[in-house]
């Protein structure tokens, strides 16, 4: 779970926004845990203590990303580095997609298990994106990417090895104040 950003465009911490009485970070973490991962990490940065407090009772390992302000690539690196070496792949989840649900994540896991040398990624608005499950063999290339792109560029470069799981509802992410009016809290 990547939850380190400062939500500058939104103007307040999206991780701590509430949807149906639950913070977005808690909701996304809970949904991610429904896939029964071997290990789960929560990468925090801006407002780290408040964000982590929202999920402290869940079985996630806190990872503090000291260079979170460099963008999603830094958060992704911190999370991948914290995974145990026995971890064969990583399900990358963000908290700003209010339509995210456990059945979609379970579809990603099933698609990846069918071809663990490739990846399984969400597809919406004609693009591949997160959530996505990436194999360990891709971690080095993923960690070499810098900036705020996260996994998207790697998914595009390796498109032929990606199982796309379509979910158009995931196109809505909460990045700007105008996005808040598009969800029912």
C-alpha atoms as a PDB file:
ATOM      1  CA  UNK A   1       0.000   0.000   0.000  1.00  0.00           C
ATOM      2  CA  UNK A   2       1.543   3.277  -1.114  1.00  0.00           C
ATOM      3  CA  UNK A   3       0.305   6.101   1.131  1.00  0.00           C
ATOM      4  CA  UNK A   4       3.263   8.463   1.437  1.00  0.00           C
ATOM      5  CA  UNK A   5       2.237  11.470  -0.671  1.00  0.00           C
ATOM      6  CA  UNK A   6       1.240  14.916   0.524  1.00  0.00           C
ATOM      7  CA  UNK A   7      -1.812  15.232  -1.766  1.00  0.00           C
ATOM      8  CA  UNK A   8      -0.704  18.701  -2.871  1.00  0.00           C
ATOM      9  CA  UNK A   9      -3.229  19.000  -5.709  1.00  0.00           C
ATOM     10  CA  UNK A  10      -6.066  18.000  -3.395  1.00  0.00           C
ATOM     11  CA  UNK A  11      -4.945  20.376  -0.663  1.00  0.00           C
ATOM     12  CA  UNK A  12      -5.394  17.862   2.166  1.00  0.00           C
ATOM     13  CA  UNK A  13      -4.316  14.333   2.965  1.00  0.00           C
ATOM     14  CA  UNK A  14      -6.327  12.000   0.736  1.00  0.00           C
ATOM     15  CA  UNK A  15      -5.201   9.054   2.870  1.00  0.00           C
ATOM     16  CA  UNK A  16      -7.235  10.427   5.774  1.00  0.00           C
ATOM     17  CA  UNK A  17     -10.371  11.343   3.804  1.00  0.00           C
ATOM     18  CA  UNK A  18     -13.358   9.295   4.874  1.00  0.00           C
ATOM     19  CA  UNK A  19     -15.590   7.202   2.658  1.00  0.00           C
ATOM     20  CA  UNK A  20     -18.575   5.670   4.431  1.00  0.00           C
ATOM     21  CA  UNK A  21     -16.962   6.411   7.803  1.00  0.00           C
ATOM     22  CA  UNK A  22     -13.609   4.798   7.016  1.00  0.00           C
ATOM     23  CA  UNK A  23     -10.375   6.527   6.002  1.00  0.00           C
ATOM     24  CA  UNK A  24      -9.337   5.840   2.433  1.00  0.00           C
ATOM     25  CA  UNK A  25      -6.025   4.346   3.549  1.00  0.00           C
ATOM     26  CA  UNK A  26      -7.748   1.970   5.956  1.00  0.00           C
ATOM     27  CA  UNK A  27     -10.322   0.982   3.354  1.00  0.00           C
ATOM     28  CA  UNK A  28      -7.737   0.253   0.658  1.00  0.00           C
ATOM     29  CA  UNK A  29      -5.489  -1.596   3.120  1.00  0.00           C
ATOM     30  CA  UNK A  30      -8.388  -3.723   4.350  1.00  0.00           C
ATOM     31  CA  UNK A  31      -9.401  -4.530   0.766  1.00  0.00           C
ATOM     32  CA  UNK A  32      -5.785  -5.405  -0.091  1.00  0.00           C
ATOM     33  CA  UNK A  33      -5.526  -7.701   2.918  1.00  0.00           C
ATOM     34  CA  UNK A  34      -8.572  -9.619   1.625  1.00  0.00           C
ATOM     35  CA  UNK A  35      -6.182 -11.172  -0.935  1.00  0.00           C
ATOM     36  CA  UNK A  36      -4.380 -12.857   1.992  1.00  0.00           C
ATOM     37  CA  UNK A  37      -0.858 -11.705   1.135  1.00  0.00           C
ATOM     38  CA  UNK A  38       2.200 -13.406   2.600  1.00  0.00           C
ATOM     39  CA  UNK A  39       3.392  -9.983   3.728  1.00  0.00           C
ATOM     40  CA  UNK A  40       1.804  -6.529   3.672  1.00  0.00           C
ATOM     41  CA  UNK A  41       3.567  -3.180   3.895  1.00  0.00           C
ATOM     42  CA  UNK A  42       2.200   0.327   4.229  1.00  0.00           C
ATOM     43  CA  UNK A  43       4.548   3.004   2.904  1.00  0.00           C
ATOM     44  CA  UNK A  44       4.086   6.318   4.701  1.00  0.00           C
ATOM     45  CA  UNK A  45       5.725   9.709   4.343  1.00  0.00           C
ATOM     46  CA  UNK A  46       3.730  12.926   4.711  1.00  0.00           C
ATOM     47  CA  UNK A  47       1.661  12.827   7.902  1.00  0.00           C
ATOM     48  CA  UNK A  48       3.146   9.372   8.539  1.00  0.00           C
ATOM     49  CA  UNK A  49       2.007   8.972  12.131  1.00  0.00           C
ATOM     50  CA  UNK A  50      -1.584   9.987  11.388  1.00  0.00           C
ATOM     51  CA  UNK A  51      -1.782   7.777   8.309  1.00  0.00           C
ATOM     52  CA  UNK A  52      -0.334   4.770  10.112  1.00  0.00           C
ATOM     53  CA  UNK A  53      -2.578   5.321  13.153  1.00  0.00           C
ATOM     54  CA  UNK A  54      -5.533   4.803  10.824  1.00  0.00           C
ATOM     55  CA  UNK A  55      -4.425   1.201  10.126  1.00  0.00           C
ATOM     56  CA  UNK A  56      -2.296   0.348  13.166  1.00  0.00           C
ATOM     57  CA  UNK A  57      -4.632  -2.478  14.203  1.00  0.00           C
ATOM     58  CA  UNK A  58      -4.333  -4.177  10.790  1.00  0.00           C
ATOM     59  CA  UNK A  59      -1.558  -6.702   9.996  1.00  0.00           C
ATOM     60  CA  UNK A  60       0.653  -4.361   7.961  1.00  0.00           C
ATOM     61  CA  UNK A  61       4.302  -3.471   8.397  1.00  0.00           C
ATOM     62  CA  UNK A  62       4.982   0.273   8.511  1.00  0.00           C
ATOM     63  CA  UNK A  63       7.645   1.485   6.089  1.00  0.00           C
ATOM     64  CA  UNK A  64       8.753   5.096   6.419  1.00  0.00           C
ATOM     65  CA  UNK A  65       9.823   6.576   3.077  1.00  0.00           C
ATOM     66  CA  UNK A  66      12.247   9.356   3.940  1.00  0.00           C
ATOM     67  CA  UNK A  67      12.356  10.705   0.376  1.00  0.00           C
ATOM     68  CA  UNK A  68       8.583  10.524  -0.234  1.00  0.00           C
ATOM     69  CA  UNK A  69       8.587  14.063  -1.658  1.00  0.00           C
ATOM     70  CA  UNK A  70      10.466  12.765  -4.738  1.00  0.00           C
ATOM     71  CA  UNK A  71       7.289  11.057  -5.929  1.00  0.00           C
ATOM     72  CA  UNK A  72       5.635   7.703  -6.218  1.00  0.00           C
ATOM     73  CA  UNK A  73       8.802   6.054  -7.521  1.00  0.00           C
ATOM     74  CA  UNK A  74      10.528   6.659  -4.184  1.00  0.00           C
ATOM     75  CA  UNK A  75       7.570   5.246  -2.254  1.00  0.00           C
ATOM     76  CA  UNK A  76       7.438   2.218  -4.513  1.00  0.00           C
ATOM     77  CA  UNK A  77      11.163   1.581  -4.012  1.00  0.00           C
ATOM     78  CA  UNK A  78      10.798   1.790  -0.237  1.00  0.00           C
ATOM     79  CA  UNK A  79       7.916  -0.670  -0.259  1.00  0.00           C
ATOM     80  CA  UNK A  80       9.611  -3.176  -2.558  1.00  0.00           C
ATOM     81  CA  UNK A  81      12.832  -3.049  -0.546  1.00  0.00           C
ATOM     82  CA  UNK A  82      10.862  -3.867   2.610  1.00  0.00           C
ATOM     83  CA  UNK A  83       9.352  -7.061   1.207  1.00  0.00           C
ATOM     84  CA  UNK A  84      10.816 -10.378   2.356  1.00  0.00           C
ATOM     85  CA  UNK A  85      13.094 -12.101  -0.160  1.00  0.00           C
ATOM     86  CA  UNK A  86      10.663 -15.039  -0.381  1.00  0.00           C
ATOM     87  CA  UNK A  87       8.004 -12.722  -1.829  1.00  0.00           C
ATOM     88  CA  UNK A  88       7.488 -13.744  -5.475  1.00  0.00           C
ATOM     89  CA  UNK A  89       5.495 -10.671  -6.478  1.00  0.00           C
ATOM     90  CA  UNK A  90       4.026  -7.430  -5.198  1.00  0.00           C
ATOM     91  CA  UNK A  91       0.458  -6.201  -5.409  1.00  0.00           C
ATOM     92  CA  UNK A  92       0.712  -2.421  -5.638  1.00  0.00           C
ATOM     93  CA  UNK A  93      -2.308  -0.586  -4.277  1.00  0.00           C
ATOM     94  CA  UNK A  94      -3.063   3.100  -3.780  1.00  0.00           C
ATOM     95  CA  UNK A  95      -5.710   4.533  -1.505  1.00  0.00           C
ATOM     96  CA  UNK A  96      -7.185   7.161  -3.833  1.00  0.00           C
ATOM     97  CA  UNK A  97      -9.422   4.894  -5.950  1.00  0.00           C
ATOM     98  CA  UNK A  98     -12.801   4.826  -4.179  1.00  0.00           C
ATOM     99  CA  UNK A  99     -14.151   2.080  -6.475  1.00  0.00           C
ATOM    100  CA  UNK A 100     -11.417  -0.361  -5.471  1.00  0.00           C
ATOM    101  CA  UNK A 101     -12.824  -3.624  -4.163  1.00  0.00           C
ATOM    102  CA  UNK A 102     -11.634  -7.064  -3.081  1.00  0.00           C
ATOM    103  CA  UNK A 103     -13.074  -8.962  -6.094  1.00  0.00           C
ATOM    104  CA  UNK A 104     -10.979  -6.858  -8.478  1.00  0.00           C
ATOM    105  CA  UNK A 105      -7.811  -7.437  -6.473  1.00  0.00           C
ATOM    106  CA  UNK A 106      -8.576 -11.144  -6.326  1.00  0.00           C
ATOM    107  CA  UNK A 107      -8.930 -11.161 -10.134  1.00  0.00           C
ATOM    108  CA  UNK A 108      -5.479  -9.582 -10.385  1.00  0.00           C
ATOM    109  CA  UNK A 109      -4.007 -12.209  -8.057  1.00  0.00           C
ATOM    110  CA  UNK A 110      -5.631 -15.050 -10.020  1.00  0.00           C
ATOM    111  CA  UNK A 111      -4.380 -13.662 -13.354  1.00  0.00           C
ATOM    112  CA  UNK A 112      -0.858 -13.282 -11.985  1.00  0.00           C
ATOM    113  CA  UNK A 113      -0.843 -16.794 -10.508  1.00  0.00           C
ATOM    114  CA  UNK A 114      -1.772 -18.130 -13.966  1.00  0.00           C
ATOM    115  CA  UNK A 115       1.441 -16.518 -15.323  1.00  0.00           C
ATOM    116  CA  UNK A 116       3.788 -15.543 -12.458  1.00  0.00           C
ATOM    117  CA  UNK A 117       6.560 -14.529 -14.859  1.00  0.00           C
ATOM    118  CA  UNK A 118       4.370 -11.701 -16.135  1.00  0.00           C
ATOM    119  CA  UNK A 119       2.235  -9.086 -14.435  1.00  0.00           C
ATOM    120  CA  UNK A 120      -1.449  -8.474 -13.921  1.00  0.00           C
ATOM    121  CA  UNK A 121      -2.631  -4.879 -14.046  1.00  0.00           C
ATOM    122  CA  UNK A 122      -5.834  -2.916 -13.897  1.00  0.00           C
ATOM    123  CA  UNK A 123      -6.992  -1.404 -17.149  1.00  0.00           C
ATOM    124  CA  UNK A 124      -9.167   1.708 -17.346  1.00  0.00           C
ATOM    125  CA  UNK A 125      -9.525   4.631 -19.717  1.00  0.00           C
ATOM    126  CA  UNK A 126      -7.563   2.645 -22.301  1.00  0.00           C
ATOM    127  CA  UNK A 127      -4.460   2.481 -20.090  1.00  0.00           C
ATOM    128  CA  UNK A 128      -2.756   0.027 -17.778  1.00  0.00           C
ATOM    129  CA  UNK A 129      -2.316   1.123 -14.190  1.00  0.00           C
ATOM    130  CA  UNK A 130      -2.634   0.255 -10.556  1.00  0.00           C
ATOM    131  CA  UNK A 131      -3.587  -1.773  -8.761  1.00  0.00           C
ATOM    132  CA  UNK A 132      -1.106  -4.116 -10.380  1.00  0.00           C
ATOM    133  CA  UNK A 133       0.684  -7.290  -9.362  1.00  0.00           C
ATOM    134  CA  UNK A 134       4.277  -7.417 -10.546  1.00  0.00           C
ATOM    135  CA  UNK A 135       6.735 -10.335 -10.415  1.00  0.00           C
ATOM    136  CA  UNK A 136       9.929 -10.085  -8.354  1.00  0.00           C
ATOM    137  CA  UNK A 137      11.943 -10.375 -11.587  1.00  0.00           C
ATOM    138  CA  UNK A 138      10.677  -6.895 -12.498  1.00  0.00           C
ATOM    139  CA  UNK A 139      11.528  -5.251  -9.143  1.00  0.00           C
ATOM    140  CA  UNK A 140      15.017  -4.043 -10.134  1.00  0.00           C
ATOM    141  CA  UNK A 141      13.715  -2.325 -13.260  1.00  0.00           C
ATOM    142  CA  UNK A 142      10.800  -0.886 -11.307  1.00  0.00           C
ATOM    143  CA  UNK A 143      13.074   0.481  -8.586  1.00  0.00           C
ATOM    144  CA  UNK A 144      15.317   2.095 -11.200  1.00  0.00           C
ATOM    145  CA  UNK A 145      12.439   4.260 -12.440  1.00  0.00           C
ATOM    146  CA  UNK A 146      12.422   7.649 -10.795  1.00  0.00           C
ATOM    147  CA  UNK A 147       9.863  10.369 -10.447  1.00  0.00           C
ATOM    148  CA  UNK A 148       6.143  10.245  -9.987  1.00  0.00           C
ATOM    149  CA  UNK A 149       5.220   7.596 -12.584  1.00  0.00           C
ATOM    150  CA  UNK A 150       5.185   4.552 -10.334  1.00  0.00           C
ATOM    151  CA  UNK A 151       4.662   1.307 -12.244  1.00  0.00           C
ATOM    152  CA  UNK A 152       2.811   2.690 -15.271  1.00  0.00           C
ATOM    153  CA  UNK A 153       5.840   3.122 -17.564  1.00  0.00           C
ATOM    154  CA  UNK A 154       7.099  -0.372 -16.795  1.00  0.00           C
ATOM    155  CA  UNK A 155       3.670  -1.831 -17.558  1.00  0.00           C
ATOM    156  CA  UNK A 156       3.652  -0.019 -20.906  1.00  0.00           C
ATOM    157  CA  UNK A 157       7.182  -1.203 -21.766  1.00  0.00           C
ATOM    158  CA  UNK A 158       6.304  -4.797 -20.941  1.00  0.00           C
ATOM    159  CA  UNK A 159       2.729  -4.729 -22.236  1.00  0.00           C
ATOM    160  CA  UNK A 160       3.064  -8.117 -23.963  1.00  0.00           C
ATOM    161  CA  UNK A 161       3.643  -9.777 -20.560  1.00  0.00           C
ATOM    162  CA  UNK A 162       0.759  -8.050 -18.749  1.00  0.00           C
ATOM    163  CA  UNK A 163      -2.668  -9.551 -18.165  1.00  0.00           C
ATOM    164  CA  UNK A 164      -5.075  -6.614 -18.251  1.00  0.00           C
ATOM    165  CA  UNK A 165      -8.067  -6.765 -15.919  1.00  0.00           C
ATOM    166  CA  UNK A 166     -10.580  -4.135 -17.017  1.00  0.00           C
ATOM    167  CA  UNK A 167     -12.333  -2.064 -14.358  1.00  0.00           C
ATOM    168  CA  UNK A 168     -13.399   1.329 -15.712  1.00  0.00           C
ATOM    169  CA  UNK A 169     -14.608   2.491 -12.286  1.00  0.00           C
ATOM    170  CA  UNK A 170     -10.968   2.685 -11.163  1.00  0.00           C
ATOM    171  CA  UNK A 171     -10.407   5.603 -13.528  1.00  0.00           C
ATOM    172  CA  UNK A 172     -11.815   7.837 -10.797  1.00  0.00           C
ATOM    173  CA  UNK A 173      -9.046   8.734  -8.422  1.00  0.00           C
ATOM    174  CA  UNK A 174      -9.088  11.507  -5.873  1.00  0.00           C
ATOM    175  CA  UNK A 175      -6.428  13.982  -6.912  1.00  0.00           C
ATOM    176  CA  UNK A 176      -8.190  17.338  -7.003  1.00  0.00           C
ATOM    177  CA  UNK A 177     -10.912  19.045  -4.984  1.00  0.00           C
ATOM    178  CA  UNK A 178     -13.359  18.646  -7.871  1.00  0.00           C
ATOM    179  CA  UNK A 179     -12.936  14.847  -7.609  1.00  0.00           C
ATOM    180  CA  UNK A 180     -14.425  14.875  -4.116  1.00  0.00           C
ATOM    181  CA  UNK A 181     -17.842  15.823  -5.471  1.00  0.00           C
ATOM    182  CA  UNK A 182     -17.841  12.676  -7.603  1.00  0.00           C
ATOM    183  CA  UNK A 183     -17.989  10.277  -4.637  1.00  0.00           C
ATOM    184  CA  UNK A 184     -20.694   9.554  -2.088  1.00  0.00           C
ATOM    185  CA  UNK A 185     -19.175   9.860   1.355  1.00  0.00           C
END
